[in-house]
Amino acid sequence: MRIILAGGVALGAALLVGVAAADTPWKGYLNGSPPDTTTVVPPPPEAGSIRAETDRAIFRQTRALKGTPRWDMAVQDVDERKIVHGMRCAIGVELDPTNAPKLTGLLTRVAPDVGRVTNIPKDKFQHKRPYLVDEGDICVEKTEKLAASPDYPSGHTTWGWTVGLLLAELAPDRAPQILQRARAFGESRVVCGVHNASAVEAGRTNAAALVAALHASPAFEADMAAARSELDRARQTLPKAANCDAEAALLAKPVW
């Protein structure tokens, strides 16, 4: 799977969550040795527990969002390859591989690490997606492939929160806006009906563990420094992102 920035331009041939296999040829920063986050991410809720029943209640409650602007955002967030385009209002400018090649390279190389660090707990826990437990519409097609992919932790959230944390480091003055949008990117999976709220929370924990591990890589640190300088220049020269008021109002409302 490719990652895409603004305008549908491919970020690179990087494998993402649920796609990256153990023998993937794509090179991340961690050389195929991601942290085992099953020691950090707690197990998914047991059936009948308070956490599990809370997940079920949130799934049922959020089915009422179908047809609303928040549902539309969830549909837009389905394609995790377009996350930087989705962050344009949070960052303040529209980025693409032409004006941000260093950032493009950074995220392309991070992507396989995200895939690997997510597949480890997914494969261990094998937790069912919420629409397989309770009836309800979801914002994507109900395919056999989706049903076979475990719920916990959320791969979309791991990816979105990883990108959010990195962008917040690169543009710390925009960190609140960036992390707000990154949080919403994960919550879109609950709105969509394909992940439980607990899986989204676990995805953020998963991402935090990954980012901590990435900082031990000299290559990662060098690429972050290059991307930071590039982003500083881009924010000084590019036009400000437009039509952001509606998104800001939407993000200010709690989903559940």
C-alpha atoms as a PDB file:
ATOM      1  CA  MET A   1       0.000   0.000   0.000  1.00  0.00           C
ATOM      2  CA  ARG A   2       1.228   3.498  -0.760  1.00  0.00           C
ATOM      3  CA  ILE A   3       1.033   6.595   1.394  1.00  0.00           C
ATOM      4  CA  ILE A   4      -0.410   9.666  -0.284  1.00  0.00           C
ATOM      5  CA  LEU A   5      -0.018  13.352   0.426  1.00  0.00           C
ATOM      6  CA  ALA A   6      -2.088  16.184  -0.988  1.00  0.00           C
ATOM      7  CA  GLY A   7      -3.542  15.907  -4.451  1.00  0.00           C
ATOM      8  CA  GLY A   8      -3.419  12.118  -4.504  1.00  0.00           C
ATOM      9  CA  VAL A   9       0.326  12.004  -5.180  1.00  0.00           C
ATOM     10  CA  ALA A  10       2.026   8.858  -3.935  1.00  0.00           C
ATOM     11  CA  LEU A  11       4.320   9.326  -0.973  1.00  0.00           C
ATOM     12  CA  GLY A  12       6.088   6.086  -1.793  1.00  0.00           C
ATOM     13  CA  ALA A  13       5.691   2.344  -2.054  1.00  0.00           C
ATOM     14  CA  ALA A  14       5.553   1.831   1.708  1.00  0.00           C
ATOM     15  CA  LEU A  15       3.562  -0.958   3.284  1.00  0.00           C
ATOM     16  CA  LEU A  16       1.108   0.003   5.993  1.00  0.00           C
ATOM     17  CA  VAL A  17      -0.774  -1.662   8.799  1.00  0.00           C
ATOM     18  CA  GLY A  18      -2.442  -4.949   7.954  1.00  0.00           C
ATOM     19  CA  VAL A  19      -0.395  -5.257   4.778  1.00  0.00           C
ATOM     20  CA  ALA A  20       3.200  -5.423   5.918  1.00  0.00           C
ATOM     21  CA  ALA A  21       4.342  -9.033   6.091  1.00  0.00           C
ATOM     22  CA  ALA A  22       7.266 -10.374   8.077  1.00  0.00           C
ATOM     23  CA  ASP A  23       9.338 -10.644   4.892  1.00  0.00           C
ATOM     24  CA  THR A  24       8.389  -7.228   3.503  1.00  0.00           C
ATOM     25  CA  PRO A  25      11.208  -5.770   1.380  1.00  0.00           C
ATOM     26  CA  TRP A  26      10.466  -2.204   2.499  1.00  0.00           C
ATOM     27  CA  LYS A  27      13.074  -0.854   4.863  1.00  0.00           C
ATOM     28  CA  GLY A  28      12.010   1.055   7.937  1.00  0.00           C
ATOM     29  CA  TYR A  29      14.187   2.680  10.550  1.00  0.00           C
ATOM     30  CA  LEU A  30      14.078  -0.245  12.971  1.00  0.00           C
ATOM     31  CA  ASN A  31      15.590  -2.831  10.606  1.00  0.00           C
ATOM     32  CA  GLY A  32      12.718  -5.248  10.974  1.00  0.00           C
ATOM     33  CA  SER A  33      13.021  -5.328  14.783  1.00  0.00           C
ATOM     34  CA  PRO A  34      10.142  -3.230  16.138  1.00  0.00           C
ATOM     35  CA  PRO A  35       9.412  -3.113  19.861  1.00  0.00           C
ATOM     36  CA  ASP A  36       7.043  -5.790  21.142  1.00  0.00           C
ATOM     37  CA  THR A  37       4.289  -3.458  22.253  1.00  0.00           C
ATOM     38  CA  THR A  38       2.250  -6.278  23.782  1.00  0.00           C
ATOM     39  CA  THR A  39       4.209  -5.412  26.930  1.00  0.00           C
ATOM     40  CA  VAL A  40       2.850  -1.843  26.759  1.00  0.00           C
ATOM     41  CA  VAL A  41      -0.585  -2.164  25.157  1.00  0.00           C
ATOM     42  CA  PRO A  42      -3.001  -3.873  27.573  1.00  0.00           C
ATOM     43  CA  PRO A  43      -5.076  -6.822  26.348  1.00  0.00           C
ATOM     44  CA  PRO A  44      -8.424  -5.996  24.749  1.00  0.00           C
ATOM     45  CA  PRO A  45     -11.525  -5.998  26.954  1.00  0.00           C
ATOM     46  CA  GLU A  46     -12.931  -9.390  27.868  1.00  0.00           C
ATOM     47  CA  ALA A  47     -16.476 -10.106  26.729  1.00  0.00           C
ATOM     48  CA  GLY A  48     -18.974  -8.977  29.342  1.00  0.00           C
ATOM     49  CA  SER A  49     -16.529  -6.663  31.114  1.00  0.00           C
ATOM     50  CA  ILE A  50     -17.307  -3.002  31.751  1.00  0.00           C
ATOM     51  CA  ARG A  51     -14.795  -1.980  29.075  1.00  0.00           C
ATOM     52  CA  ALA A  52     -16.322  -4.353  26.538  1.00  0.00           C
ATOM     53  CA  GLU A  53     -19.847  -3.179  27.254  1.00  0.00           C
ATOM     54  CA  THR A  54     -18.675   0.434  26.977  1.00  0.00           C
ATOM     55  CA  ASP A  55     -17.207  -0.379  23.558  1.00  0.00           C
ATOM     56  CA  ARG A  56     -20.510  -1.894  22.474  1.00  0.00           C
ATOM     57  CA  ALA A  57     -22.498   1.084  23.725  1.00  0.00           C
ATOM     58  CA  ILE A  58     -20.220   3.514  21.878  1.00  0.00           C
ATOM     59  CA  PHE A  59     -20.543   1.508  18.661  1.00  0.00           C
ATOM     60  CA  ARG A  60     -24.331   1.559  18.868  1.00  0.00           C
ATOM     61  CA  GLN A  61     -24.415   5.246  19.806  1.00  0.00           C
ATOM     62  CA  THR A  62     -22.146   6.353  16.962  1.00  0.00           C
ATOM     63  CA  ARG A  63     -24.264   4.607  14.281  1.00  0.00           C
ATOM     64  CA  ALA A  64     -26.489   7.670  14.553  1.00  0.00           C
ATOM     65  CA  LEU A  65     -23.682   9.757  13.023  1.00  0.00           C
ATOM     66  CA  LYS A  66     -24.277   8.298   9.567  1.00  0.00           C
ATOM     67  CA  GLY A  67     -25.132  11.107   7.156  1.00  0.00           C
ATOM     68  CA  THR A  68     -23.551  13.814   9.319  1.00  0.00           C
ATOM     69  CA  PRO A  69     -20.405  15.880   8.631  1.00  0.00           C
ATOM     70  CA  ARG A  70     -18.507  13.762  11.181  1.00  0.00           C
ATOM     71  CA  TRP A  71     -19.400  10.616   9.218  1.00  0.00           C
ATOM     72  CA  ASP A  72     -18.138  12.341   6.068  1.00  0.00           C
ATOM     73  CA  MET A  73     -14.831  13.059   7.800  1.00  0.00           C
ATOM     74  CA  ALA A  74     -14.581   9.407   8.816  1.00  0.00           C
ATOM     75  CA  VAL A  75     -15.068   8.397   5.185  1.00  0.00           C
ATOM     76  CA  GLN A  76     -12.309  10.792   4.133  1.00  0.00           C
ATOM     77  CA  ASP A  77     -10.028   9.363   6.816  1.00  0.00           C
ATOM     78  CA  VAL A  78     -10.473   5.795   5.547  1.00  0.00           C
ATOM     79  CA  ASP A  79      -7.540   6.277   3.169  1.00  0.00           C
ATOM     80  CA  GLU A  80      -4.629   6.509   5.579  1.00  0.00           C
ATOM     81  CA  ARG A  81      -2.385   7.392   2.646  1.00  0.00           C
ATOM     82  CA  LYS A  82      -3.884  10.899   2.566  1.00  0.00           C
ATOM     83  CA  ILE A  83      -3.211  11.761   6.178  1.00  0.00           C
ATOM     84  CA  VAL A  84      -0.879  14.698   5.541  1.00  0.00           C
ATOM     85  CA  HIS A  85      -3.444  16.230   3.218  1.00  0.00           C
ATOM     86  CA  GLY A  86      -5.957  15.774   6.037  1.00  0.00           C
ATOM     87  CA  MET A  87      -3.547  17.601   8.360  1.00  0.00           C
ATOM     88  CA  ARG A  88      -3.332  20.710   6.159  1.00  0.00           C
ATOM     89  CA  CYS A  89      -5.477  22.875   8.461  1.00  0.00           C
ATOM     90  CA  ALA A  90      -3.665  21.632  11.553  1.00  0.00           C
ATOM     91  CA  ILE A  91      -0.231  22.308  10.050  1.00  0.00           C
ATOM     92  CA  GLY A  92      -1.384  25.539   8.458  1.00  0.00           C
ATOM     93  CA  VAL A  93      -0.167  24.853   4.916  1.00  0.00           C
ATOM     94  CA  GLU A  94      -0.797  22.337   2.135  1.00  0.00           C
ATOM     95  CA  LEU A  95       2.132  19.939   1.747  1.00  0.00           C
ATOM     96  CA  ASP A  96       2.954  17.594  -1.116  1.00  0.00           C
ATOM     97  CA  PRO A  97       6.002  15.599  -2.279  1.00  0.00           C
ATOM     98  CA  THR A  98       7.199  18.559  -4.355  1.00  0.00           C
ATOM     99  CA  ASN A  99       7.332  21.117  -1.555  1.00  0.00           C
ATOM    100  CA  ALA A 100       8.090  18.618   1.234  1.00  0.00           C
ATOM    101  CA  PRO A 101      10.323  15.826  -0.161  1.00  0.00           C
ATOM    102  CA  LYS A 102      12.182  15.330   3.129  1.00  0.00           C
ATOM    103  CA  LEU A 103       8.926  14.834   5.033  1.00  0.00           C
ATOM    104  CA  THR A 104       7.778  12.533   2.253  1.00  0.00           C
ATOM    105  CA  GLY A 105      10.863  10.374   2.671  1.00  0.00           C
ATOM    106  CA  LEU A 106      10.572  10.355   6.454  1.00  0.00           C
ATOM    107  CA  LEU A 107       6.973   9.123   6.506  1.00  0.00           C
ATOM    108  CA  THR A 108       7.615   6.636   3.726  1.00  0.00           C
ATOM    109  CA  ARG A 109      10.340   5.027   5.800  1.00  0.00           C
ATOM    110  CA  VAL A 110       8.326   5.128   9.033  1.00  0.00           C
ATOM    111  CA  ALA A 111       5.377   3.334   7.420  1.00  0.00           C
ATOM    112  CA  PRO A 112       6.823  -0.219   7.445  1.00  0.00           C
ATOM    113  CA  ASP A 113       7.729   0.188  11.123  1.00  0.00           C
ATOM    114  CA  VAL A 114       4.112   1.155  11.838  1.00  0.00           C
ATOM    115  CA  GLY A 115       2.921  -1.947  10.012  1.00  0.00           C
ATOM    116  CA  ARG A 116       5.193  -4.271  11.919  1.00  0.00           C
ATOM    117  CA  VAL A 117       4.585  -2.746  15.346  1.00  0.00           C
ATOM    118  CA  THR A 118       0.836  -3.049  14.808  1.00  0.00           C
ATOM    119  CA  ASN A 119       0.731  -6.561  13.425  1.00  0.00           C
ATOM    120  CA  ILE A 120       2.455  -8.005  16.498  1.00  0.00           C
ATOM    121  CA  PRO A 121      -0.344  -7.180  18.992  1.00  0.00           C
ATOM    122  CA  LYS A 122      -3.073  -7.638  16.364  1.00  0.00           C
ATOM    123  CA  ASP A 123      -1.892 -11.177  15.688  1.00  0.00           C
ATOM    124  CA  LYS A 124      -1.604 -11.945  19.388  1.00  0.00           C
ATOM    125  CA  PHE A 125      -4.973 -10.610  20.536  1.00  0.00           C
ATOM    126  CA  GLN A 126      -7.180 -11.524  17.516  1.00  0.00           C
ATOM    127  CA  HIS A 127     -10.006  -9.291  18.740  1.00  0.00           C
ATOM    128  CA  LYS A 128     -13.183  -9.000  16.651  1.00  0.00           C
ATOM    129  CA  ARG A 129     -14.260  -5.745  15.065  1.00  0.00           C
ATOM    130  CA  PRO A 130     -17.373  -4.144  16.619  1.00  0.00           C
ATOM    131  CA  TYR A 131     -19.740  -4.674  13.678  1.00  0.00           C
ATOM    132  CA  LEU A 132     -19.085  -8.418  13.969  1.00  0.00           C
ATOM    133  CA  VAL A 133     -20.485  -8.324  17.509  1.00  0.00           C
ATOM    134  CA  ASP A 134     -23.406  -5.908  17.054  1.00  0.00           C
ATOM    135  CA  GLU A 135     -25.401  -5.085  13.934  1.00  0.00           C
ATOM    136  CA  GLY A 136     -24.877  -1.647  12.456  1.00  0.00           C
ATOM    137  CA  ASP A 137     -23.840   0.273   9.372  1.00  0.00           C
ATOM    138  CA  ILE A 138     -20.168   1.003   8.786  1.00  0.00           C
ATOM    139  CA  CYS A 139     -18.610   3.557   6.452  1.00  0.00           C
ATOM    140  CA  VAL A 140     -16.836   1.010   4.252  1.00  0.00           C
ATOM    141  CA  GLU A 141     -17.847  -2.205   2.527  1.00  0.00           C
ATOM    142  CA  LYS A 142     -18.156  -5.237   4.792  1.00  0.00           C
ATOM    143  CA  THR A 143     -15.656  -7.550   3.135  1.00  0.00           C
ATOM    144  CA  GLU A 144     -14.211 -10.891   4.181  1.00  0.00           C
ATOM    145  CA  LYS A 145     -10.765  -9.290   4.250  1.00  0.00           C
ATOM    146  CA  LEU A 146     -11.909  -6.626   6.701  1.00  0.00           C
ATOM    147  CA  ALA A 147     -13.647  -9.170   8.908  1.00  0.00           C
ATOM    148  CA  ALA A 148     -10.499 -11.298   9.034  1.00  0.00           C
ATOM    149  CA  SER A 149      -8.364  -8.345  10.136  1.00  0.00           C
ATOM    150  CA  PRO A 150      -8.245  -8.014  13.947  1.00  0.00           C
ATOM    151  CA  ASP A 151      -9.658  -4.966  15.710  1.00  0.00           C
ATOM    152  CA  TYR A 152      -7.075  -4.375  18.414  1.00  0.00           C
ATOM    153  CA  PRO A 153      -5.062  -2.206  18.385  1.00  0.00           C
ATOM    154  CA  SER A 154      -6.261   0.068  15.600  1.00  0.00           C
ATOM    155  CA  GLY A 155      -3.710   0.269  12.808  1.00  0.00           C
ATOM    156  CA  HIS A 156      -5.179   3.482  11.431  1.00  0.00           C
ATOM    157  CA  THR A 157      -4.820   5.056  14.859  1.00  0.00           C
ATOM    158  CA  THR A 158      -1.264   3.792  15.286  1.00  0.00           C
ATOM    159  CA  TRP A 159      -0.404   5.372  11.945  1.00  0.00           C
ATOM    160  CA  GLY A 160      -2.334   8.592  12.570  1.00  0.00           C
ATOM    161  CA  TRP A 161      -0.961   9.148  16.064  1.00  0.00           C
ATOM    162  CA  THR A 162       2.583   8.348  14.905  1.00  0.00           C
ATOM    163  CA  VAL A 163       2.294  10.930  12.132  1.00  0.00           C
ATOM    164  CA  GLY A 164       0.709  13.378  14.558  1.00  0.00           C
ATOM    165  CA  LEU A 165       3.490  12.995  17.123  1.00  0.00           C
ATOM    166  CA  LEU A 166       6.168  13.461  14.472  1.00  0.00           C
ATOM    167  CA  LEU A 167       4.496  16.511  12.940  1.00  0.00           C
ATOM    168  CA  ALA A 168       4.033  17.996  16.410  1.00  0.00           C
ATOM    169  CA  GLU A 169       7.773  17.675  16.957  1.00  0.00           C
ATOM    170  CA  LEU A 170       8.481  19.263  13.583  1.00  0.00           C
ATOM    171  CA  ALA A 171       6.079  22.171  14.179  1.00  0.00           C
ATOM    172  CA  PRO A 172       5.746  22.450  17.977  1.00  0.00           C
ATOM    173  CA  ASP A 173       3.869  25.751  17.821  1.00  0.00           C
ATOM    174  CA  ARG A 174       1.079  23.862  16.002  1.00  0.00           C
ATOM    175  CA  ALA A 175       1.220  20.805  18.273  1.00  0.00           C
ATOM    176  CA  PRO A 176      -2.257  21.278  19.824  1.00  0.00           C
ATOM    177  CA  GLN A 177      -3.928  21.541  16.420  1.00  0.00           C
ATOM    178  CA  ILE A 178      -1.901  18.683  14.954  1.00  0.00           C
ATOM    179  CA  LEU A 179      -2.605  16.319  17.835  1.00  0.00           C
ATOM    180  CA  GLN A 180      -6.278  17.277  17.854  1.00  0.00           C
ATOM    181  CA  ARG A 181      -6.524  16.245  14.197  1.00  0.00           C
ATOM    182  CA  ALA A 182      -4.465  13.107  14.820  1.00  0.00           C
ATOM    183  CA  ARG A 183      -6.829  12.154  17.642  1.00  0.00           C
ATOM    184  CA  ALA A 184      -9.798  12.702  15.327  1.00  0.00           C
ATOM    185  CA  PHE A 185      -8.144  10.532  12.669  1.00  0.00           C
ATOM    186  CA  GLY A 186      -8.247   7.620  15.104  1.00  0.00           C
ATOM    187  CA  GLU A 187     -11.729   8.450  16.364  1.00  0.00           C
ATOM    188  CA  SER A 188     -12.915   8.331  12.759  1.00  0.00           C
ATOM    189  CA  ARG A 189     -12.463   4.565  12.972  1.00  0.00           C
ATOM    190  CA  VAL A 190     -15.030   4.444  15.776  1.00  0.00           C
ATOM    191  CA  VAL A 191     -17.385   6.669  13.791  1.00  0.00           C
ATOM    192  CA  CYS A 192     -16.853   4.424  10.781  1.00  0.00           C
ATOM    193  CA  GLY A 193     -17.757   1.413  12.905  1.00  0.00           C
ATOM    194  CA  VAL A 194     -14.681  -0.652  12.112  1.00  0.00           C
ATOM    195  CA  HIS A 195     -12.865  -0.236  15.432  1.00  0.00           C
ATOM    196  CA  ASN A 196     -13.847  -0.183  19.072  1.00  0.00           C
ATOM    197  CA  ALA A 197     -12.996   2.834  21.203  1.00  0.00           C
ATOM    198  CA  SER A 198     -10.611   0.655  23.224  1.00  0.00           C
ATOM    199  CA  ALA A 199      -8.738  -0.286  20.030  1.00  0.00           C
ATOM    200  CA  VAL A 200      -8.280   3.390  19.182  1.00  0.00           C
ATOM    201  CA  GLU A 201      -6.945   4.126  22.654  1.00  0.00           C
ATOM    202  CA  ALA A 202      -4.559   1.176  22.308  1.00  0.00           C
ATOM    203  CA  GLY A 203      -3.445   2.489  18.926  1.00  0.00           C
ATOM    204  CA  ARG A 204      -2.289   5.735  20.503  1.00  0.00           C
ATOM    205  CA  THR A 205      -0.307   3.814  23.117  1.00  0.00           C
ATOM    206  CA  ASN A 206       1.146   1.651  20.367  1.00  0.00           C
ATOM    207  CA  ALA A 207       2.218   4.734  18.410  1.00  0.00           C
ATOM    208  CA  ALA A 208       3.854   6.342  21.438  1.00  0.00           C
ATOM    209  CA  ALA A 209       5.967   3.226  22.015  1.00  0.00           C
ATOM    210  CA  LEU A 210       6.989   3.200  18.361  1.00  0.00           C
ATOM    211  CA  VAL A 211       8.000   6.864  18.299  1.00  0.00           C
ATOM    212  CA  ALA A 212      10.120   6.362  21.424  1.00  0.00           C
ATOM    213  CA  ALA A 213      11.912   3.487  19.679  1.00  0.00           C
ATOM    214  CA  LEU A 214      12.378   5.504  16.488  1.00  0.00           C
ATOM    215  CA  HIS A 215      14.301   8.184  18.367  1.00  0.00           C
ATOM    216  CA  ALA A 216      17.043   5.636  19.076  1.00  0.00           C
ATOM    217  CA  SER A 217      17.789   5.491  15.331  1.00  0.00           C
ATOM    218  CA  PRO A 218      20.506   7.922  14.153  1.00  0.00           C
ATOM    219  CA  ALA A 219      19.065   7.787  10.626  1.00  0.00           C
ATOM    220  CA  PHE A 220      15.642   8.752  11.946  1.00  0.00           C
ATOM    221  CA  GLU A 221      17.065  11.657  13.941  1.00  0.00           C
ATOM    222  CA  ALA A 222      18.925  12.931  10.876  1.00  0.00           C
ATOM    223  CA  ASP A 223      15.809  12.705   8.712  1.00  0.00           C
ATOM    224  CA  MET A 224      13.745  14.479  11.367  1.00  0.00           C
ATOM    225  CA  ALA A 225      16.235  17.352  11.417  1.00  0.00           C
ATOM    226  CA  ALA A 226      16.083  17.649   7.631  1.00  0.00           C
ATOM    227  CA  ALA A 227      12.279  17.513   7.624  1.00  0.00           C
ATOM    228  CA  ARG A 228      12.118  20.168  10.356  1.00  0.00           C
ATOM    229  CA  SER A 229      14.204  22.616   8.331  1.00  0.00           C
ATOM    230  CA  GLU A 230      12.148  21.870   5.243  1.00  0.00           C
ATOM    231  CA  LEU A 231       8.852  22.387   7.054  1.00  0.00           C
ATOM    232  CA  ASP A 232      10.060  25.651   8.587  1.00  0.00           C
ATOM    233  CA  ARG A 233      10.809  26.983   5.101  1.00  0.00           C
ATOM    234  CA  ALA A 234       7.526  25.697   3.672  1.00  0.00           C
ATOM    235  CA  ARG A 235       5.485  27.360   6.389  1.00  0.00           C
ATOM    236  CA  GLN A 236       7.180  30.688   5.697  1.00  0.00           C
ATOM    237  CA  THR A 237       6.643  30.611   1.940  1.00  0.00           C
ATOM    238  CA  LEU A 238       3.507  28.584   1.149  1.00  0.00           C
ATOM    239  CA  PRO A 239      -0.024  30.030   1.184  1.00  0.00           C
ATOM    240  CA  LYS A 240      -2.032  29.374   4.315  1.00  0.00           C
ATOM    241  CA  ALA A 241      -4.430  26.420   4.229  1.00  0.00           C
ATOM    242  CA  ALA A 242      -7.940  27.556   3.311  1.00  0.00           C
ATOM    243  CA  ASN A 243     -11.500  26.597   4.295  1.00  0.00           C
ATOM    244  CA  CYS A 244     -10.547  25.411   7.779  1.00  0.00           C
ATOM    245  CA  ASP A 245     -13.332  26.935   9.897  1.00  0.00           C
ATOM    246  CA  ALA A 246     -15.797  24.094   9.334  1.00  0.00           C
ATOM    247  CA  GLU A 247     -13.206  21.493  10.300  1.00  0.00           C
ATOM    248  CA  ALA A 248     -12.278  23.395  13.453  1.00  0.00           C
ATOM    249  CA  ALA A 249     -15.924  23.520  14.520  1.00  0.00           C
ATOM    250  CA  LEU A 250     -16.331  19.804  13.849  1.00  0.00           C
ATOM    251  CA  LEU A 251     -13.216  18.845  15.797  1.00  0.00           C
ATOM    252  CA  ALA A 252     -14.392  20.863  18.792  1.00  0.00           C
ATOM    253  CA  LYS A 253     -17.374  18.536  19.278  1.00  0.00           C
ATOM    254  CA  PRO A 254     -16.872  15.273  21.219  1.00  0.00           C
ATOM    255  CA  VAL A 255     -17.731  12.174  19.208  1.00  0.00           C
ATOM    256  CA  TRP A 256     -19.213  10.270  22.152  1.00  0.00           C
END
